[in-house]
């Protein structure tokens, strides 16, 4: 007997941040939780010598994107979809003894 099974699980694709990316995200989150706006956070990062991962200066869309993408990744990791079974086929093969 043989069978084929396709299993899908959404939480098995982790996102990996460098220590610098995690530091930037942490600063953005703390300042945003304190009620600061995206332009203020971008200006704060630039004033304190931080650059984007690609070496550019921060703008408010960068800050928004950093916080949004991390939130989406965290939500995906917390979400536990029920495993889905697809294309399950069973074949019975008779072999002479």
N, C-alpha and C. Protein backbone atom coordinates (compact mmCIF):
# COMPACT_ATOMS: atom_id res chain seq x y z
N UNK A 1 0.85 -1.17 0.00
CA UNK A 1 0.00 0.00 0.00
C UNK A 1 0.90 1.24 0.00
N UNK A 2 0.60 2.22 -0.82
CA UNK A 2 1.33 3.49 -0.86
C UNK A 2 0.32 4.63 -0.80
N UNK A 3 0.78 5.77 -0.30
CA UNK A 3 -0.09 6.94 -0.29
C UNK A 3 0.74 8.20 -0.43
N UNK A 4 0.06 9.24 -0.88
CA UNK A 4 0.68 10.55 -1.05
C UNK A 4 -0.07 11.53 -0.16
N UNK A 5 0.67 12.41 0.51
CA UNK A 5 0.06 13.32 1.46
C UNK A 5 0.71 14.69 1.33
N UNK A 6 -0.10 15.74 1.26
CA UNK A 6 0.40 17.11 1.25
C UNK A 6 -0.11 17.78 2.52
N UNK A 7 0.82 18.27 3.36
CA UNK A 7 0.47 18.89 4.63
C UNK A 7 0.85 20.37 4.58
N UNK A 8 -0.07 21.25 4.94
CA UNK A 8 0.17 22.68 4.96
C UNK A 8 0.09 23.17 6.40
N UNK A 9 1.12 23.92 6.85
CA UNK A 9 1.13 24.50 8.20
C UNK A 9 1.75 25.89 8.10
N UNK A 10 0.97 26.92 8.41
CA UNK A 10 1.40 28.31 8.20
C UNK A 10 2.49 28.77 9.15
N UNK A 11 2.63 28.16 10.30
CA UNK A 11 3.58 28.64 11.32
C UNK A 11 5.00 28.11 11.14
N UNK A 12 5.27 27.42 10.06
CA UNK A 12 6.59 26.84 9.86
C UNK A 12 7.51 27.72 9.01
N UNK A 13 7.08 28.95 8.69
CA UNK A 13 7.90 29.86 7.90
C UNK A 13 8.30 31.06 8.76
N UNK A 14 9.30 30.93 9.62
CA UNK A 14 9.66 32.05 10.50
C UNK A 14 10.35 33.16 9.73
N UNK A 15 10.25 34.37 10.26
CA UNK A 15 10.95 35.51 9.69
C UNK A 15 12.19 35.75 10.53
N UNK A 16 13.29 36.04 9.88
CA UNK A 16 14.56 36.21 10.59
C UNK A 16 15.01 37.66 10.49
N UNK A 17 15.23 38.30 11.64
CA UNK A 17 15.73 39.66 11.69
C UNK A 17 17.17 39.65 12.17
N UNK A 18 17.97 40.56 11.63
CA UNK A 18 19.33 40.74 12.14
C UNK A 18 19.21 41.49 13.47
N UNK A 19 20.25 41.45 14.30
CA UNK A 19 20.19 42.21 15.56
C UNK A 19 19.90 43.71 15.33
N UNK A 20 20.46 44.28 14.26
CA UNK A 20 20.21 45.70 13.95
C UNK A 20 18.75 45.94 13.58
N UNK A 21 18.17 45.06 12.76
CA UNK A 21 16.76 45.20 12.39
C UNK A 21 15.87 45.08 13.61
N UNK A 22 16.20 44.15 14.51
CA UNK A 22 15.40 43.98 15.72
C UNK A 22 15.51 45.23 16.60
N UNK A 23 16.70 45.81 16.69
CA UNK A 23 16.90 47.02 17.48
C UNK A 23 16.06 48.17 16.92
N UNK A 24 16.08 48.35 15.61
CA UNK A 24 15.28 49.40 14.96
C UNK A 24 13.80 49.18 15.24
N UNK A 25 13.35 47.94 15.08
CA UNK A 25 11.93 47.64 15.33
C UNK A 25 11.56 47.94 16.77
N UNK A 26 12.43 47.56 17.69
CA UNK A 26 12.15 47.77 19.11
C UNK A 26 12.04 49.27 19.43
N UNK A 27 12.93 50.08 18.88
CA UNK A 27 12.87 51.53 19.09
C UNK A 27 11.58 52.10 18.52
N UNK A 28 11.24 51.69 17.29
CA UNK A 28 10.01 52.18 16.65
C UNK A 28 8.79 51.80 17.47
N UNK A 29 8.76 50.57 17.95
CA UNK A 29 7.60 50.11 18.73
C UNK A 29 7.47 50.87 20.03
N UNK A 30 8.58 51.05 20.74
CA UNK A 30 8.53 51.77 22.02
C UNK A 30 8.05 53.21 21.82
N UNK A 31 8.59 53.90 20.81
CA UNK A 31 8.18 55.28 20.57
C UNK A 31 6.73 55.36 20.11
N UNK A 32 6.31 54.41 19.29
CA UNK A 32 4.91 54.41 18.83
C UNK A 32 3.97 54.12 19.98
N UNK A 33 4.34 53.19 20.87
CA UNK A 33 3.51 52.89 22.04
C UNK A 33 3.39 54.10 22.97
N UNK A 34 4.39 54.97 22.96
CA UNK A 34 4.34 56.19 23.77
C UNK A 34 3.50 57.27 23.11
N UNK A 35 3.03 57.02 21.88
CA UNK A 35 2.12 57.94 21.21
C UNK A 35 2.75 58.84 20.17
N UNK A 36 4.01 58.61 19.83
CA UNK A 36 4.67 59.44 18.84
C UNK A 36 4.23 59.08 17.43
N UNK A 37 4.28 60.06 16.51
CA UNK A 37 3.87 59.85 15.12
C UNK A 37 5.00 59.23 14.32
N UNK A 38 4.66 58.72 13.13
CA UNK A 38 5.67 58.14 12.25
C UNK A 38 6.73 59.16 11.83
N UNK A 39 6.35 60.39 11.45
CA UNK A 39 7.39 61.37 11.10
C UNK A 39 8.32 61.68 12.29
N UNK A 40 7.75 61.77 13.49
CA UNK A 40 8.58 62.04 14.66
C UNK A 40 9.59 60.91 14.88
N UNK A 41 9.13 59.66 14.77
CA UNK A 41 10.01 58.50 14.97
C UNK A 41 11.11 58.49 13.92
N UNK A 42 10.76 58.77 12.66
CA UNK A 42 11.76 58.81 11.59
C UNK A 42 12.80 59.88 11.87
N UNK A 43 12.35 61.07 12.29
CA UNK A 43 13.29 62.14 12.62
C UNK A 43 14.16 61.77 13.81
N UNK A 44 13.58 61.09 14.80
CA UNK A 44 14.34 60.68 15.98
C UNK A 44 15.45 59.69 15.58
N UNK A 45 15.10 58.73 14.76
CA UNK A 45 16.09 57.75 14.30
C UNK A 45 17.22 58.44 13.53
N UNK A 46 16.86 59.35 12.63
CA UNK A 46 17.86 60.06 11.84
C UNK A 46 18.75 60.93 12.74
N UNK A 47 18.15 61.60 13.72
CA UNK A 47 18.90 62.47 14.63
C UNK A 47 19.87 61.69 15.51
N UNK A 48 19.55 60.43 15.77
CA UNK A 48 20.39 59.60 16.63
C UNK A 48 21.33 58.69 15.85
N UNK A 49 21.51 58.98 14.56
CA UNK A 49 22.51 58.29 13.76
C UNK A 49 22.11 56.95 13.19
N UNK A 50 20.85 56.59 13.26
CA UNK A 50 20.40 55.32 12.69
C UNK A 50 20.16 55.48 11.20
N UNK A 51 20.44 54.45 10.46
CA UNK A 51 20.17 54.39 9.02
C UNK A 51 19.30 53.17 8.75
N UNK A 52 18.64 53.17 7.60
CA UNK A 52 17.89 51.99 7.21
C UNK A 52 18.88 50.86 6.95
N UNK A 53 18.39 49.67 6.77
CA UNK A 53 19.26 48.52 6.51
C UNK A 53 20.08 48.74 5.24
N UNK A 54 19.55 49.51 4.31
CA UNK A 54 20.26 49.80 3.06
C UNK A 54 21.07 51.09 3.12
N UNK A 55 21.21 51.66 4.31
CA UNK A 55 22.07 52.83 4.49
C UNK A 55 21.43 54.16 4.17
N UNK A 56 20.13 54.23 4.04
CA UNK A 56 19.42 55.48 3.73
C UNK A 56 18.91 56.13 5.01
N UNK A 57 18.42 57.37 4.88
CA UNK A 57 17.79 58.02 6.02
C UNK A 57 16.34 57.55 6.12
N UNK A 58 15.81 57.58 7.33
CA UNK A 58 14.44 57.13 7.57
C UNK A 58 13.44 58.20 7.15
N UNK A 59 12.31 57.73 6.64
CA UNK A 59 11.14 58.57 6.39
C UNK A 59 9.97 57.88 7.06
N UNK A 60 8.87 58.60 7.23
CA UNK A 60 7.74 58.01 7.95
C UNK A 60 7.19 56.73 7.32
N UNK A 61 7.18 56.55 5.98
CA UNK A 61 6.72 55.26 5.46
C UNK A 61 7.60 54.08 5.88
N UNK A 62 8.91 54.34 6.08
CA UNK A 62 9.79 53.26 6.54
C UNK A 62 9.36 52.77 7.92
N UNK A 63 9.10 53.72 8.81
CA UNK A 63 8.69 53.36 10.18
C UNK A 63 7.38 52.58 10.14
N UNK A 64 6.43 53.07 9.36
CA UNK A 64 5.14 52.38 9.25
C UNK A 64 5.33 50.95 8.73
N UNK A 65 6.17 50.79 7.71
CA UNK A 65 6.41 49.48 7.12
C UNK A 65 7.08 48.52 8.10
N UNK A 66 8.05 49.03 8.86
CA UNK A 66 8.74 48.19 9.84
C UNK A 66 7.76 47.62 10.85
N UNK A 67 6.90 48.48 11.38
CA UNK A 67 5.94 48.04 12.39
C UNK A 67 4.87 47.13 11.79
N UNK A 68 4.42 47.44 10.60
CA UNK A 68 3.37 46.64 9.95
C UNK A 68 3.86 45.23 9.61
N UNK A 69 5.05 45.14 9.01
CA UNK A 69 5.55 43.83 8.58
C UNK A 69 5.84 42.91 9.76
N UNK A 70 6.35 43.48 10.85
CA UNK A 70 6.62 42.66 12.04
C UNK A 70 5.31 42.18 12.64
N UNK A 71 4.28 43.05 12.67
CA UNK A 71 2.98 42.65 13.21
C UNK A 71 2.38 41.52 12.37
N UNK A 72 2.47 41.63 11.05
CA UNK A 72 1.94 40.59 10.17
C UNK A 72 2.67 39.27 10.40
N UNK A 73 4.00 39.33 10.52
CA UNK A 73 4.80 38.12 10.74
C UNK A 73 4.44 37.48 12.09
N UNK A 74 4.29 38.31 13.12
CA UNK A 74 3.93 37.78 14.44
C UNK A 74 2.54 37.15 14.43
N UNK A 75 1.60 37.78 13.75
CA UNK A 75 0.25 37.22 13.65
C UNK A 75 0.27 35.87 12.94
N UNK A 76 1.07 35.78 11.88
CA UNK A 76 1.17 34.51 11.15
C UNK A 76 1.75 33.41 12.02
N UNK A 77 2.74 33.76 12.84
CA UNK A 77 3.37 32.75 13.69
C UNK A 77 2.42 32.30 14.81
N UNK A 78 1.56 33.19 15.28
CA UNK A 78 0.61 32.85 16.35
C UNK A 78 -0.56 32.03 15.82
N UNK A 79 -0.87 32.25 14.56
CA UNK A 79 -2.02 31.56 13.95
C UNK A 79 -1.66 30.09 13.73
N UNK A 80 -2.48 29.25 14.22
CA UNK A 80 -2.26 27.81 14.05
C UNK A 80 -3.40 27.24 13.23
N UNK A 81 -3.18 27.18 11.93
CA UNK A 81 -4.18 26.58 11.06
C UNK A 81 -4.24 25.09 11.31
N UNK A 82 -5.42 24.57 11.16
CA UNK A 82 -5.55 23.12 11.23
C UNK A 82 -4.81 22.54 10.03
N UNK A 83 -4.03 21.52 10.24
CA UNK A 83 -3.32 20.92 9.10
C UNK A 83 -4.31 20.49 8.03
N UNK A 84 -3.97 20.75 6.79
CA UNK A 84 -4.84 20.40 5.67
C UNK A 84 -4.24 19.23 4.92
N UNK A 85 -5.05 18.24 4.70
CA UNK A 85 -4.63 17.08 3.93
C UNK A 85 -5.21 17.21 2.53
N UNK A 86 -4.34 17.10 1.54
CA UNK A 86 -4.79 17.21 0.15
C UNK A 86 -4.24 16.05 -0.66
N UNK A 87 -4.95 15.74 -1.70
CA UNK A 87 -4.51 14.72 -2.67
C UNK A 87 -4.14 13.40 -2.01
N UNK A 88 -4.95 12.94 -1.11
CA UNK A 88 -4.64 11.67 -0.46
C UNK A 88 -5.12 10.53 -1.35
N UNK A 89 -4.20 9.74 -1.79
CA UNK A 89 -4.49 8.60 -2.65
C UNK A 89 -3.94 7.34 -2.01
N UNK A 90 -4.71 6.29 -2.09
CA UNK A 90 -4.25 5.00 -1.58
C UNK A 90 -4.24 4.01 -2.74
N UNK A 91 -3.14 3.32 -2.88
CA UNK A 91 -3.02 2.30 -3.91
C UNK A 91 -2.69 0.97 -3.25
N UNK A 92 -3.39 -0.03 -3.64
CA UNK A 92 -3.11 -1.36 -3.15
C UNK A 92 -2.48 -2.13 -4.29
N UNK A 93 -1.30 -2.64 -4.02
CA UNK A 93 -0.55 -3.34 -5.05
C UNK A 93 -0.45 -4.80 -4.65
N UNK A 94 -0.89 -5.66 -5.53
CA UNK A 94 -0.78 -7.10 -5.26
C UNK A 94 0.50 -7.61 -5.87
N UNK A 95 1.30 -8.25 -5.06
CA UNK A 95 2.52 -8.85 -5.56
C UNK A 95 2.44 -10.35 -5.32
N UNK A 96 2.82 -11.10 -6.31
CA UNK A 96 2.81 -12.56 -6.12
C UNK A 96 3.92 -12.96 -5.13
N UNK A 97 3.60 -13.95 -4.34
CA UNK A 97 4.55 -14.46 -3.34
C UNK A 97 5.47 -15.49 -3.95
